[in-house]
Amino acid sequence: MIKDRNDVVPIGFVFDALNSVRAHQLSPERILQTAGLSDIVATSGVDARISVSQFARLWRTVSAAIDDEAFDLGARAMRPGSFDMMCNCAIHCGSLGKAVRRAIQFLNLILDDPSASISTEGRTARIILEDHRRPGSAFAYRSYWVMLHGMMCWLVGRNVALLQMDMTAAAPEPTSSFKTFFGAPVRFEQPVGQIVFDSRFLKLPIVRSSRSLGQFLRRAPENLLAGYYHDQAMADVLRQHLLAKPARDWPDFNELCRALELPPRTLRRRLHLEGQSFHALKDEVRRDKAIELLLTTRTSIGDISTELGYREPSAFYRAFQNWMACSPGRYREMLAS
């Protein structure tokens, strides 16, 4: 998801949305005019950007025009108002895990195909999206995940960080904009679609109320595109401290408390309220750094292990297997493919 409300959307996303309009034999020019984007698109180059609020207007205009909030992804249309109903179904669940299961059950009933399911293995959770027909467009899948993942983040009041995303759709151009949106490696033309994230998120409690849901829905989809997370959450502050130093130089908990000028009891309590712990945060930072190094460098597995502060490569292998349900070497091969 886009990480900042001041972020902008590549103009290519506009052209992707307009393909849905053409498929319904509607006028793209009239859609752009209704959304107030005619002049902007007419004078923009291929590398141009529009604001999140401008793209949100286009999103609403297109979905209303084609009578489908899922942009032709499903065997049946997702009629306007379906997203609102999905959120109303999910908000009364006690935990994110229960809310996700209810939400994907709702989406499966509405769309019929593709169908979603959720599975967990160790620290890895996967929401799998299987097609039984010809795959849809990358834009339609992106819209599906924006709605589901955006709702997940809002329900727990924090960003549910993605580790990986797969799509059955062909790769659009440029594909780099997808990582800007979701903050994770994205692979196209895969056998099934999926998003992968830390399974511990599923245990988080729902922190939103029915009263706050109305405001959330009135601001959709702009708030989904902009993302929901607490910039000043204590967990984020600690991540910044850890990312600023090599793993071998990380402070222990008491040293970190002194640096933050917080009593240990206070810091533990604040982390607990966010569903976090210092040990879990260190683990997350190591995991994210490992994925980054495997994705962007040719550093050997042994050297990555050392850089992440593991005394033995075997300890890193066990940790990575727990994170991603595969070895680091296998994960690198899958990304390369």
C-alpha atoms as a PDB file:
ATOM      1  CA  MET A   1       0.000   0.000   0.000  1.00  0.00           C
ATOM      2  CA  ILE A   2       1.077   3.576  -0.494  1.00  0.00           C
ATOM      3  CA  LYS A   3       2.774   4.593   2.718  1.00  0.00           C
ATOM      4  CA  ASP A   4       2.066   8.327   2.854  1.00  0.00           C
ATOM      5  CA  ARG A   5      -0.967  10.500   2.233  1.00  0.00           C
ATOM      6  CA  ASN A   6       1.239  12.880   0.276  1.00  0.00           C
ATOM      7  CA  ASP A   7       2.220  10.112  -2.145  1.00  0.00           C
ATOM      8  CA  VAL A   8       1.083  10.129  -5.727  1.00  0.00           C
ATOM      9  CA  VAL A   9      -0.190   7.505  -8.148  1.00  0.00           C
ATOM     10  CA  PRO A  10       1.520   6.715 -11.487  1.00  0.00           C
ATOM     11  CA  ILE A  11      -0.509   7.875 -14.480  1.00  0.00           C
ATOM     12  CA  GLY A  12      -0.323   4.303 -15.781  1.00  0.00           C
ATOM     13  CA  PHE A  13      -2.852   3.296 -13.118  1.00  0.00           C
ATOM     14  CA  VAL A  14      -5.312   5.702 -14.764  1.00  0.00           C
ATOM     15  CA  PHE A  15      -4.877   4.032 -18.140  1.00  0.00           C
ATOM     16  CA  ASP A  16      -5.329   0.615 -16.474  1.00  0.00           C
ATOM     17  CA  ALA A  17      -8.623   1.758 -14.947  1.00  0.00           C
ATOM     18  CA  LEU A  18      -9.837   3.072 -18.297  1.00  0.00           C
ATOM     19  CA  ASN A  19      -9.346  -0.367 -19.874  1.00  0.00           C
ATOM     20  CA  SER A  20     -12.287  -1.550 -17.755  1.00  0.00           C
ATOM     21  CA  VAL A  21     -14.341   1.294 -19.180  1.00  0.00           C
ATOM     22  CA  ARG A  22     -13.493   0.355 -22.772  1.00  0.00           C
ATOM     23  CA  ALA A  23     -14.388  -3.295 -22.081  1.00  0.00           C
ATOM     24  CA  HIS A  24     -17.921  -2.080 -21.284  1.00  0.00           C
ATOM     25  CA  GLN A  25     -17.989   0.037 -24.468  1.00  0.00           C
ATOM     26  CA  LEU A  26     -18.202   3.228 -22.432  1.00  0.00           C
ATOM     27  CA  SER A  27     -16.479   6.506 -23.227  1.00  0.00           C
ATOM     28  CA  PRO A  28     -13.132   6.952 -21.398  1.00  0.00           C
ATOM     29  CA  GLU A  29     -13.297  10.666 -22.176  1.00  0.00           C
ATOM     30  CA  ARG A  30     -16.638  11.022 -20.400  1.00  0.00           C
ATOM     31  CA  ILE A  31     -15.324   9.086 -17.393  1.00  0.00           C
ATOM     32  CA  LEU A  32     -12.279  11.350 -17.169  1.00  0.00           C
ATOM     33  CA  GLN A  33     -14.480  14.410 -17.461  1.00  0.00           C
ATOM     34  CA  THR A  34     -16.769  13.183 -14.669  1.00  0.00           C
ATOM     35  CA  ALA A  35     -13.737  12.515 -12.455  1.00  0.00           C
ATOM     36  CA  GLY A  36     -12.276  15.957 -13.247  1.00  0.00           C
ATOM     37  CA  LEU A  37      -9.151  14.506 -14.852  1.00  0.00           C
ATOM     38  CA  SER A  38      -9.571  15.279 -18.551  1.00  0.00           C
ATOM     39  CA  ASP A  39      -7.094  18.163 -18.701  1.00  0.00           C
ATOM     40  CA  ILE A  40      -4.574  16.465 -16.410  1.00  0.00           C
ATOM     41  CA  VAL A  41      -4.449  13.247 -18.433  1.00  0.00           C
ATOM     42  CA  ALA A  42      -4.426  15.077 -21.773  1.00  0.00           C
ATOM     43  CA  THR A  43      -1.330  17.071 -20.840  1.00  0.00           C
ATOM     44  CA  SER A  44       0.567  14.388 -18.896  1.00  0.00           C
ATOM     45  CA  GLY A  45       3.448  12.266 -20.082  1.00  0.00           C
ATOM     46  CA  VAL A  46       3.927   8.553 -19.424  1.00  0.00           C
ATOM     47  CA  ASP A  47       5.940   9.281 -16.259  1.00  0.00           C
ATOM     48  CA  ALA A  48       3.386  11.681 -14.797  1.00  0.00           C
ATOM     49  CA  ARG A  49       1.706  11.258 -11.408  1.00  0.00           C
ATOM     50  CA  ILE A  50      -1.665  12.234  -9.968  1.00  0.00           C
ATOM     51  CA  SER A  51      -2.636  12.600  -6.325  1.00  0.00           C
ATOM     52  CA  VAL A  52      -4.249   9.838  -4.304  1.00  0.00           C
ATOM     53  CA  SER A  53      -7.451  11.887  -3.997  1.00  0.00           C
ATOM     54  CA  GLN A  54      -7.616  12.357  -7.783  1.00  0.00           C
ATOM     55  CA  PHE A  55      -7.175   8.645  -8.392  1.00  0.00           C
ATOM     56  CA  ALA A  56      -9.795   7.892  -5.732  1.00  0.00           C
ATOM     57  CA  ARG A  57     -12.296  10.021  -7.674  1.00  0.00           C
ATOM     58  CA  LEU A  58     -11.510   8.042 -10.814  1.00  0.00           C
ATOM     59  CA  TRP A  59     -11.871   4.757  -8.901  1.00  0.00           C
ATOM     60  CA  ARG A  60     -15.354   5.748  -7.709  1.00  0.00           C
ATOM     61  CA  THR A  61     -16.381   7.018 -11.133  1.00  0.00           C
ATOM     62  CA  VAL A  62     -15.271   3.872 -12.983  1.00  0.00           C
ATOM     63  CA  SER A  63     -16.740   1.390 -10.468  1.00  0.00           C
ATOM     64  CA  ALA A  64     -20.086   3.233 -10.592  1.00  0.00           C
ATOM     65  CA  ALA A  65     -20.080   3.360 -14.390  1.00  0.00           C
ATOM     66  CA  ILE A  66     -19.406  -0.362 -14.840  1.00  0.00           C
ATOM     67  CA  ASP A  67     -21.456  -1.298 -11.739  1.00  0.00           C
ATOM     68  CA  ASP A  68     -18.589  -3.355 -10.310  1.00  0.00           C
ATOM     69  CA  GLU A  69     -16.307  -2.509  -7.381  1.00  0.00           C
ATOM     70  CA  ALA A  70     -13.970  -5.361  -8.384  1.00  0.00           C
ATOM     71  CA  PHE A  71     -13.423  -4.039 -11.930  1.00  0.00           C
ATOM     72  CA  ASP A  72     -14.566  -7.192 -13.791  1.00  0.00           C
ATOM     73  CA  LEU A  73     -12.402  -9.533 -11.705  1.00  0.00           C
ATOM     74  CA  GLY A  74     -15.183 -11.907 -10.658  1.00  0.00           C
ATOM     75  CA  ALA A  75     -17.499 -14.302 -12.415  1.00  0.00           C
ATOM     76  CA  ARG A  76     -20.188 -12.078 -10.902  1.00  0.00           C
ATOM     77  CA  ALA A  77     -20.008  -8.325 -10.466  1.00  0.00           C
ATOM     78  CA  MET A  78     -19.223  -6.852  -7.046  1.00  0.00           C
ATOM     79  CA  ARG A  79     -22.079  -4.364  -6.982  1.00  0.00           C
ATOM     80  CA  PRO A  80     -21.512  -0.921  -5.424  1.00  0.00           C
ATOM     81  CA  GLY A  81     -22.093  -1.201  -1.691  1.00  0.00           C
ATOM     82  CA  SER A  82     -20.536  -4.667  -1.445  1.00  0.00           C
ATOM     83  CA  PHE A  83     -17.331  -3.358   0.131  1.00  0.00           C
ATOM     84  CA  ASP A  84     -19.383  -1.524   2.760  1.00  0.00           C
ATOM     85  CA  MET A  85     -21.233  -4.747   3.570  1.00  0.00           C
ATOM     86  CA  MET A  86     -17.986  -6.741   3.787  1.00  0.00           C
ATOM     87  CA  CYS A  87     -16.602  -4.289   6.343  1.00  0.00           C
ATOM     88  CA  ASN A  88     -19.834  -4.450   8.350  1.00  0.00           C
ATOM     89  CA  CYS A  89     -19.524  -8.229   8.427  1.00  0.00           C
ATOM     90  CA  ALA A  90     -15.885  -8.169   9.527  1.00  0.00           C
ATOM     91  CA  ILE A  91     -15.861  -5.437  12.164  1.00  0.00           C
ATOM     92  CA  HIS A  92     -17.738  -7.480  14.761  1.00  0.00           C
ATOM     93  CA  CYS A  93     -15.088 -10.208  14.839  1.00  0.00           C
ATOM     94  CA  GLY A  94     -12.826 -10.335  17.874  1.00  0.00           C
ATOM     95  CA  SER A  95      -9.520 -10.752  16.038  1.00  0.00           C
ATOM     96  CA  LEU A  96      -8.020  -9.989  12.649  1.00  0.00           C
ATOM     97  CA  GLY A  97      -7.828 -13.696  11.834  1.00  0.00           C
ATOM     98  CA  LYS A  98     -11.577 -14.128  12.313  1.00  0.00           C
ATOM     99  CA  ALA A  99     -12.273 -10.915  10.380  1.00  0.00           C
ATOM    100  CA  VAL A 100     -10.163 -12.032   7.410  1.00  0.00           C
ATOM    101  CA  ARG A 101     -11.904 -15.402   7.255  1.00  0.00           C
ATOM    102  CA  ARG A 102     -15.312 -13.720   7.311  1.00  0.00           C
ATOM    103  CA  ALA A 103     -14.256 -11.163   4.683  1.00  0.00           C
ATOM    104  CA  ILE A 104     -12.946 -13.745   2.227  1.00  0.00           C
ATOM    105  CA  GLN A 105     -16.056 -15.865   2.764  1.00  0.00           C
ATOM    106  CA  PHE A 106     -18.109 -12.795   1.823  1.00  0.00           C
ATOM    107  CA  LEU A 107     -15.945 -12.078  -1.253  1.00  0.00           C
ATOM    108  CA  ASN A 108     -16.190 -15.693  -2.401  1.00  0.00           C
ATOM    109  CA  LEU A 109     -19.992 -15.546  -2.192  1.00  0.00           C
ATOM    110  CA  ILE A 110     -20.131 -12.264  -4.104  1.00  0.00           C
ATOM    111  CA  LEU A 111     -17.559 -12.976  -6.835  1.00  0.00           C
ATOM    112  CA  ASP A 112     -17.937 -16.783  -7.101  1.00  0.00           C
ATOM    113  CA  ASP A 113     -14.617 -16.901  -8.957  1.00  0.00           C
ATOM    114  CA  PRO A 114     -11.769 -16.282  -8.131  1.00  0.00           C
ATOM    115  CA  SER A 115     -12.038 -17.836  -4.675  1.00  0.00           C
ATOM    116  CA  ALA A 116      -9.851 -17.021  -1.677  1.00  0.00           C
ATOM    117  CA  SER A 117      -8.645 -19.097   1.265  1.00  0.00           C
ATOM    118  CA  ILE A 118      -6.256 -18.526   4.151  1.00  0.00           C
ATOM    119  CA  SER A 119      -3.552 -20.814   5.519  1.00  0.00           C
ATOM    120  CA  THR A 120      -0.809 -20.522   8.120  1.00  0.00           C
ATOM    121  CA  GLU A 121       2.480 -22.364   8.558  1.00  0.00           C
ATOM    122  CA  GLY A 122       4.712 -21.294  11.419  1.00  0.00           C
ATOM    123  CA  ARG A 123       5.127 -17.527  11.262  1.00  0.00           C
ATOM    124  CA  THR A 124       3.818 -17.335   7.686  1.00  0.00           C
ATOM    125  CA  ALA A 125       0.226 -16.542   6.735  1.00  0.00           C
ATOM    126  CA  ARG A 126      -1.040 -16.686   3.161  1.00  0.00           C
ATOM    127  CA  ILE A 127      -4.285 -15.498   1.643  1.00  0.00           C
ATOM    128  CA  ILE A 128      -4.470 -17.491  -1.580  1.00  0.00           C
ATOM    129  CA  LEU A 129      -6.590 -16.386  -4.542  1.00  0.00           C
ATOM    130  CA  GLU A 130      -7.326 -19.110  -7.104  1.00  0.00           C
ATOM    131  CA  ASP A 131      -8.776 -18.559 -10.569  1.00  0.00           C
ATOM    132  CA  HIS A 132     -10.914 -21.173 -12.281  1.00  0.00           C
ATOM    133  CA  ARG A 133     -11.317 -19.056 -15.406  1.00  0.00           C
ATOM    134  CA  ARG A 134      -8.995 -16.937 -17.485  1.00  0.00           C
ATOM    135  CA  PRO A 135      -6.951 -14.602 -15.204  1.00  0.00           C
ATOM    136  CA  GLY A 136      -8.132 -11.010 -14.896  1.00  0.00           C
ATOM    137  CA  SER A 137      -6.094  -7.851 -15.314  1.00  0.00           C
ATOM    138  CA  ALA A 138      -3.332  -6.799 -12.949  1.00  0.00           C
ATOM    139  CA  PHE A 139      -5.394  -3.691 -12.188  1.00  0.00           C
ATOM    140  CA  ALA A 140      -8.389  -5.783 -11.099  1.00  0.00           C
ATOM    141  CA  TYR A 141      -6.266  -7.977  -8.807  1.00  0.00           C
ATOM    142  CA  ARG A 142      -4.614  -4.896  -7.381  1.00  0.00           C
ATOM    143  CA  SER A 143      -8.055  -3.475  -6.590  1.00  0.00           C
ATOM    144  CA  TYR A 144      -9.064  -6.719  -4.857  1.00  0.00           C
ATOM    145  CA  TRP A 145      -5.982  -6.678  -2.625  1.00  0.00           C
ATOM    146  CA  VAL A 146      -6.263  -2.943  -1.946  1.00  0.00           C
ATOM    147  CA  MET A 147      -9.786  -3.469  -0.607  1.00  0.00           C
ATOM    148  CA  LEU A 148      -9.018  -6.566   1.466  1.00  0.00           C
ATOM    149  CA  HIS A 149      -5.579  -5.559   2.740  1.00  0.00           C
ATOM    150  CA  GLY A 150      -6.687  -1.964   3.319  1.00  0.00           C
ATOM    151  CA  MET A 151      -9.595  -3.160   5.449  1.00  0.00           C
ATOM    152  CA  MET A 152      -7.242  -5.426   7.411  1.00  0.00           C
ATOM    153  CA  CYS A 153      -4.898  -2.540   8.223  1.00  0.00           C
ATOM    154  CA  TRP A 154      -7.757  -0.294   9.291  1.00  0.00           C
ATOM    155  CA  LEU A 155      -9.380  -2.889  11.538  1.00  0.00           C
ATOM    156  CA  VAL A 156      -6.239  -3.303  13.664  1.00  0.00           C
ATOM    157  CA  GLY A 157      -5.050   0.314  13.380  1.00  0.00           C
ATOM    158  CA  ARG A 158      -1.644  -0.532  11.929  1.00  0.00           C
ATOM    159  CA  ASN A 159       0.055  -1.548   8.727  1.00  0.00           C
ATOM    160  CA  VAL A 160      -0.063  -5.301   8.100  1.00  0.00           C
ATOM    161  CA  ALA A 161       3.277  -5.467   6.327  1.00  0.00           C
ATOM    162  CA  LEU A 162       3.331  -7.740   3.288  1.00  0.00           C
ATOM    163  CA  LEU A 163       6.287 -10.017   2.621  1.00  0.00           C
ATOM    164  CA  GLN A 164       5.320 -11.114  -0.878  1.00  0.00           C
ATOM    165  CA  MET A 165       2.563 -10.821  -3.458  1.00  0.00           C
ATOM    166  CA  ASP A 166       1.832 -13.136  -6.388  1.00  0.00           C
ATOM    167  CA  MET A 167      -0.612 -12.538  -9.242  1.00  0.00           C
ATOM    168  CA  THR A 168      -1.844 -14.815 -11.999  1.00  0.00           C
ATOM    169  CA  ALA A 169      -2.122 -11.789 -14.299  1.00  0.00           C
ATOM    170  CA  ALA A 170       0.464 -10.861 -16.907  1.00  0.00           C
ATOM    171  CA  ALA A 171       2.965  -8.229 -15.818  1.00  0.00           C
ATOM    172  CA  PRO A 172       1.958  -4.647 -16.659  1.00  0.00           C
ATOM    173  CA  GLU A 173       4.438  -1.941 -17.551  1.00  0.00           C
ATOM    174  CA  PRO A 174       6.150  -0.723 -15.478  1.00  0.00           C
ATOM    175  CA  THR A 175       5.929  -3.408 -12.798  1.00  0.00           C
ATOM    176  CA  SER A 176       7.952  -1.349 -10.297  1.00  0.00           C
ATOM    177  CA  SER A 177       4.858   0.710  -9.446  1.00  0.00           C
ATOM    178  CA  PHE A 178       3.317  -2.351  -7.815  1.00  0.00           C
ATOM    179  CA  LYS A 179       6.079  -2.531  -5.226  1.00  0.00           C
ATOM    180  CA  THR A 180       5.519   1.176  -4.540  1.00  0.00           C
ATOM    181  CA  PHE A 181       1.919   0.326  -3.768  1.00  0.00           C
ATOM    182  CA  PHE A 182       2.360  -2.786  -1.686  1.00  0.00           C
ATOM    183  CA  GLY A 183       5.915  -2.451  -0.352  1.00  0.00           C
ATOM    184  CA  ALA A 184       6.747  -6.086  -1.148  1.00  0.00           C
ATOM    185  CA  PRO A 185       8.145  -8.173  -4.024  1.00  0.00           C
ATOM    186  CA  VAL A 186       5.447  -8.801  -6.646  1.00  0.00           C
ATOM    187  CA  ARG A 187       5.540 -11.729  -9.071  1.00  0.00           C
ATOM    188  CA  PHE A 188       3.265 -12.085 -12.098  1.00  0.00           C
ATOM    189  CA  GLU A 189       1.981 -15.028 -14.151  1.00  0.00           C
ATOM    190  CA  GLN A 190       2.015 -17.301 -11.107  1.00  0.00           C
ATOM    191  CA  PRO A 191      -0.178 -20.432 -10.764  1.00  0.00           C
ATOM    192  CA  VAL A 192      -2.183 -18.801  -7.961  1.00  0.00           C
ATOM    193  CA  GLY A 193      -2.400 -15.324  -6.500  1.00  0.00           C
ATOM    194  CA  GLN A 194      -1.474 -14.676  -2.885  1.00  0.00           C
ATOM    195  CA  ILE A 195      -0.343 -12.199  -0.295  1.00  0.00           C
ATOM    196  CA  VAL A 196       2.101 -13.358   2.385  1.00  0.00           C
ATOM    197  CA  PHE A 197       2.482 -11.774   5.822  1.00  0.00           C
ATOM    198  CA  ASP A 198       3.462 -12.576   9.396  1.00  0.00           C
ATOM    199  CA  SER A 199       0.858 -14.884  10.933  1.00  0.00           C
ATOM    200  CA  ARG A 200       1.074 -13.052  14.270  1.00  0.00           C
ATOM    201  CA  PHE A 201      -0.952 -10.215  12.755  1.00  0.00           C
ATOM    202  CA  LEU A 202      -3.936 -12.565  12.727  1.00  0.00           C
ATOM    203  CA  LYS A 203      -3.983 -12.603  16.529  1.00  0.00           C
ATOM    204  CA  LEU A 204      -4.327  -8.822  16.820  1.00  0.00           C
ATOM    205  CA  PRO A 205      -7.632  -7.554  18.241  1.00  0.00           C
ATOM    206  CA  ILE A 206     -10.036  -5.424  16.218  1.00  0.00           C
ATOM    207  CA  VAL A 207      -9.657  -1.872  17.552  1.00  0.00           C
ATOM    208  CA  ARG A 208     -12.362  -0.169  15.455  1.00  0.00           C
ATOM    209  CA  SER A 209     -16.018   0.294  16.334  1.00  0.00           C
ATOM    210  CA  SER A 210     -19.212   0.317  14.310  1.00  0.00           C
ATOM    211  CA  ARG A 211     -19.384   4.062  14.945  1.00  0.00           C
ATOM    212  CA  SER A 212     -15.975   4.664  13.342  1.00  0.00           C
ATOM    213  CA  LEU A 213     -16.840   2.433  10.390  1.00  0.00           C
ATOM    214  CA  GLY A 214     -19.157   5.053   8.918  1.00  0.00           C
ATOM    215  CA  GLN A 215     -16.395   7.613   8.662  1.00  0.00           C
ATOM    216  CA  PHE A 216     -14.011   5.025   7.230  1.00  0.00           C
ATOM    217  CA  LEU A 217     -16.456   4.078   4.489  1.00  0.00           C
ATOM    218  CA  ARG A 218     -17.246   7.688   3.624  1.00  0.00           C
ATOM    219  CA  ARG A 219     -13.547   8.277   2.946  1.00  0.00           C
ATOM    220  CA  ALA A 220     -13.037   5.116   0.892  1.00  0.00           C
ATOM    221  CA  PRO A 221     -11.263   4.402  -1.381  1.00  0.00           C
ATOM    222  CA  GLU A 222      -8.873   7.309  -0.733  1.00  0.00           C
ATOM    223  CA  ASN A 223      -8.027   6.034   2.725  1.00  0.00           C
ATOM    224  CA  LEU A 224      -7.379   2.539   1.322  1.00  0.00           C
ATOM    225  CA  LEU A 225      -4.991   3.913  -1.259  1.00  0.00           C
ATOM    226  CA  ALA A 226      -3.223   6.137   1.225  1.00  0.00           C
ATOM    227  CA  GLY A 227      -2.918   3.377   3.833  1.00  0.00           C
ATOM    228  CA  TYR A 228      -3.631   3.115   7.529  1.00  0.00           C
ATOM    229  CA  TYR A 229      -0.844   2.882  10.058  1.00  0.00           C
ATOM    230  CA  HIS A 230       0.456   4.840  13.033  1.00  0.00           C
ATOM    231  CA  ASP A 231       3.533   6.816  12.006  1.00  0.00           C
ATOM    232  CA  GLN A 232       4.569   7.413  15.604  1.00  0.00           C
ATOM    233  CA  ALA A 233       3.794   3.951  16.954  1.00  0.00           C
ATOM    234  CA  MET A 234       6.409   2.834  19.449  1.00  0.00           C
ATOM    235  CA  ALA A 235       7.130  -0.258  17.364  1.00  0.00           C
ATOM    236  CA  ASP A 236       8.076   1.973  14.418  1.00  0.00           C
ATOM    237  CA  VAL A 237      10.377   4.050  16.631  1.00  0.00           C
ATOM    238  CA  LEU A 238      12.173   0.903  17.741  1.00  0.00           C
ATOM    239  CA  ARG A 239      12.466  -0.355  14.170  1.00  0.00           C
ATOM    240  CA  GLN A 240      14.192   2.890  13.212  1.00  0.00           C
ATOM    241  CA  HIS A 241      16.700   2.417  16.038  1.00  0.00           C
ATOM    242  CA  LEU A 242      17.420  -1.132  14.932  1.00  0.00           C
ATOM    243  CA  LEU A 243      17.688  -0.283  11.241  1.00  0.00           C
ATOM    244  CA  ALA A 244      20.187   2.482  12.006  1.00  0.00           C
ATOM    245  CA  LYS A 245      22.824  -0.017  13.193  1.00  0.00           C
ATOM    246  CA  PRO A 246      24.268  -3.374  12.129  1.00  0.00           C
ATOM    247  CA  ALA A 247      22.640  -6.269  13.960  1.00  0.00           C
ATOM    248  CA  ARG A 248      25.842  -6.997  15.895  1.00  0.00           C
ATOM    249  CA  ASP A 249      25.647  -3.502  17.425  1.00  0.00           C
ATOM    250  CA  TRP A 250      21.989  -3.594  18.424  1.00  0.00           C
ATOM    251  CA  PRO A 251      21.329  -2.368  21.976  1.00  0.00           C
ATOM    252  CA  ASP A 252      19.757  -4.627  24.535  1.00  0.00           C
ATOM    253  CA  PHE A 253      16.366  -3.718  25.949  1.00  0.00           C
ATOM    254  CA  ASN A 254      17.686  -1.688  28.897  1.00  0.00           C
ATOM    255  CA  GLU A 255      20.110   0.247  26.689  1.00  0.00           C
ATOM    256  CA  LEU A 256      17.247   1.051  24.332  1.00  0.00           C
ATOM    257  CA  CYS A 257      15.109   2.270  27.237  1.00  0.00           C
ATOM    258  CA  ARG A 258      17.892   4.632  28.298  1.00  0.00           C
ATOM    259  CA  ALA A 259      18.245   5.931  24.738  1.00  0.00           C
ATOM    260  CA  LEU A 260      14.499   6.599  24.570  1.00  0.00           C
ATOM    261  CA  GLU A 261      14.412   7.944  28.136  1.00  0.00           C
ATOM    262  CA  LEU A 262      11.622   5.543  29.034  1.00  0.00           C
ATOM    263  CA  PRO A 263      11.305   3.195  32.024  1.00  0.00           C
ATOM    264  CA  PRO A 264      11.452  -0.479  30.914  1.00  0.00           C
ATOM    265  CA  ARG A 265       7.986  -1.116  32.308  1.00  0.00           C
ATOM    266  CA  THR A 266       6.518   1.746  30.262  1.00  0.00           C
ATOM    267  CA  LEU A 267       8.145   0.580  27.040  1.00  0.00           C
ATOM    268  CA  ARG A 268       6.965  -3.002  27.543  1.00  0.00           C
ATOM    269  CA  ARG A 269       3.427  -1.784  28.204  1.00  0.00           C
ATOM    270  CA  ARG A 270       3.340   0.412  25.089  1.00  0.00           C
ATOM    271  CA  LEU A 271       4.664  -2.409  22.920  1.00  0.00           C
ATOM    272  CA  HIS A 272       2.120  -4.789  24.419  1.00  0.00           C
ATOM    273  CA  LEU A 273      -0.706  -2.390  23.519  1.00  0.00           C
ATOM    274  CA  GLU A 274       0.526  -2.512  19.923  1.00  0.00           C
ATOM    275  CA  GLY A 275       0.674  -6.320  19.981  1.00  0.00           C
ATOM    276  CA  GLN A 276       4.477  -6.276  19.880  1.00  0.00           C
ATOM    277  CA  SER A 277       7.560  -7.174  21.891  1.00  0.00           C
ATOM    278  CA  PHE A 278      11.224  -6.205  21.616  1.00  0.00           C
ATOM    279  CA  HIS A 279      12.215  -9.764  20.701  1.00  0.00           C
ATOM    280  CA  ALA A 280       9.541  -9.949  17.995  1.00  0.00           C
ATOM    281  CA  LEU A 281      10.612  -6.605  16.536  1.00  0.00           C
ATOM    282  CA  LYS A 282      14.231  -7.723  16.250  1.00  0.00           C
ATOM    283  CA  ASP A 283      13.010 -10.856  14.533  1.00  0.00           C
ATOM    284  CA  GLU A 284      10.903  -8.812  12.073  1.00  0.00           C
ATOM    285  CA  VAL A 285      13.778  -6.476  11.214  1.00  0.00           C
ATOM    286  CA  ARG A 286      16.077  -9.442  10.585  1.00  0.00           C
ATOM    287  CA  ARG A 287      13.426 -11.058   8.394  1.00  0.00           C
ATOM    288  CA  ASP A 288      12.802  -7.932   6.330  1.00  0.00           C
ATOM    289  CA  LYS A 289      16.533  -7.327   5.913  1.00  0.00           C
ATOM    290  CA  ALA A 290      17.057 -10.940   4.863  1.00  0.00           C
ATOM    291  CA  ILE A 291      14.347 -10.662   2.206  1.00  0.00           C
ATOM    292  CA  GLU A 292      15.840  -7.392   0.944  1.00  0.00           C
ATOM    293  CA  LEU A 293      19.340  -8.899   0.646  1.00  0.00           C
ATOM    294  CA  LEU A 294      18.054 -12.027  -1.071  1.00  0.00           C
ATOM    295  CA  LEU A 295      16.026  -9.935  -3.497  1.00  0.00           C
ATOM    296  CA  THR A 296      18.469  -7.146  -4.349  1.00  0.00           C
ATOM    297  CA  THR A 297      21.968  -8.620  -3.913  1.00  0.00           C
ATOM    298  CA  ARG A 298      24.001 -11.723  -4.673  1.00  0.00           C
ATOM    299  CA  THR A 299      25.386 -11.874  -1.153  1.00  0.00           C
ATOM    300  CA  SER A 300      25.946 -15.469  -0.073  1.00  0.00           C
ATOM    301  CA  ILE A 301      23.620 -17.054   2.445  1.00  0.00           C
ATOM    302  CA  GLY A 302      26.508 -17.350   4.910  1.00  0.00           C
ATOM    303  CA  ASP A 303      27.364 -13.662   4.621  1.00  0.00           C
ATOM    304  CA  ILE A 304      23.706 -12.680   5.032  1.00  0.00           C
ATOM    305  CA  SER A 305      23.600 -14.817   8.162  1.00  0.00           C
ATOM    306  CA  THR A 306      26.613 -12.992   9.569  1.00  0.00           C
ATOM    307  CA  GLU A 307      25.251  -9.567   8.640  1.00  0.00           C
ATOM    308  CA  LEU A 308      22.013 -10.335  10.467  1.00  0.00           C
ATOM    309  CA  GLY A 309      23.888 -11.223  13.634  1.00  0.00           C
ATOM    310  CA  TYR A 310      23.558 -15.013  13.602  1.00  0.00           C
ATOM    311  CA  ARG A 311      26.491 -16.935  15.001  1.00  0.00           C
ATOM    312  CA  GLU A 312      25.880 -19.932  12.768  1.00  0.00           C
ATOM    313  CA  PRO A 313      24.289 -20.140   9.282  1.00  0.00           C
ATOM    314  CA  SER A 314      22.190 -23.052  10.551  1.00  0.00           C
ATOM    315  CA  ALA A 315      20.435 -20.677  12.985  1.00  0.00           C
ATOM    316  CA  PHE A 316      19.599 -18.340  10.100  1.00  0.00           C
ATOM    317  CA  TYR A 317      18.286 -21.253   8.024  1.00  0.00           C
ATOM    318  CA  ARG A 318      15.973 -22.325  10.856  1.00  0.00           C
ATOM    319  CA  ALA A 319      14.730 -18.771  11.384  1.00  0.00           C
ATOM    320  CA  PHE A 320      14.075 -18.212   7.683  1.00  0.00           C
ATOM    321  CA  GLN A 321      12.268 -21.536   7.386  1.00  0.00           C
ATOM    322  CA  ASN A 322      10.022 -20.410  10.217  1.00  0.00           C
ATOM    323  CA  TRP A 323       9.401 -17.012   8.581  1.00  0.00           C
ATOM    324  CA  MET A 324       8.749 -18.053   4.997  1.00  0.00           C
ATOM    325  CA  ALA A 325       8.192 -21.841   5.135  1.00  0.00           C
ATOM    326  CA  CYS A 326      11.159 -22.422   2.804  1.00  0.00           C
ATOM    327  CA  SER A 327      14.937 -22.115   2.854  1.00  0.00           C
ATOM    328  CA  PRO A 328      16.644 -18.799   1.959  1.00  0.00           C
ATOM    329  CA  GLY A 329      18.151 -20.410  -1.136  1.00  0.00           C
ATOM    330  CA  ARG A 330      14.785 -21.660  -2.331  1.00  0.00           C
ATOM    331  CA  TYR A 331      13.225 -18.247  -1.671  1.00  0.00           C
ATOM    332  CA  ARG A 332      15.894 -16.561  -3.800  1.00  0.00           C
ATOM    333  CA  GLU A 333      15.246 -19.065  -6.602  1.00  0.00           C
ATOM    334  CA  MET A 334      11.510 -18.372  -6.500  1.00  0.00           C
ATOM    335  CA  LEU A 335      12.091 -14.604  -6.713  1.00  0.00           C
ATOM    336  CA  ALA A 336      14.485 -15.069  -9.626  1.00  0.00           C
ATOM    337  CA  SER A 337      11.914 -17.160 -11.497  1.00  0.00           C
END
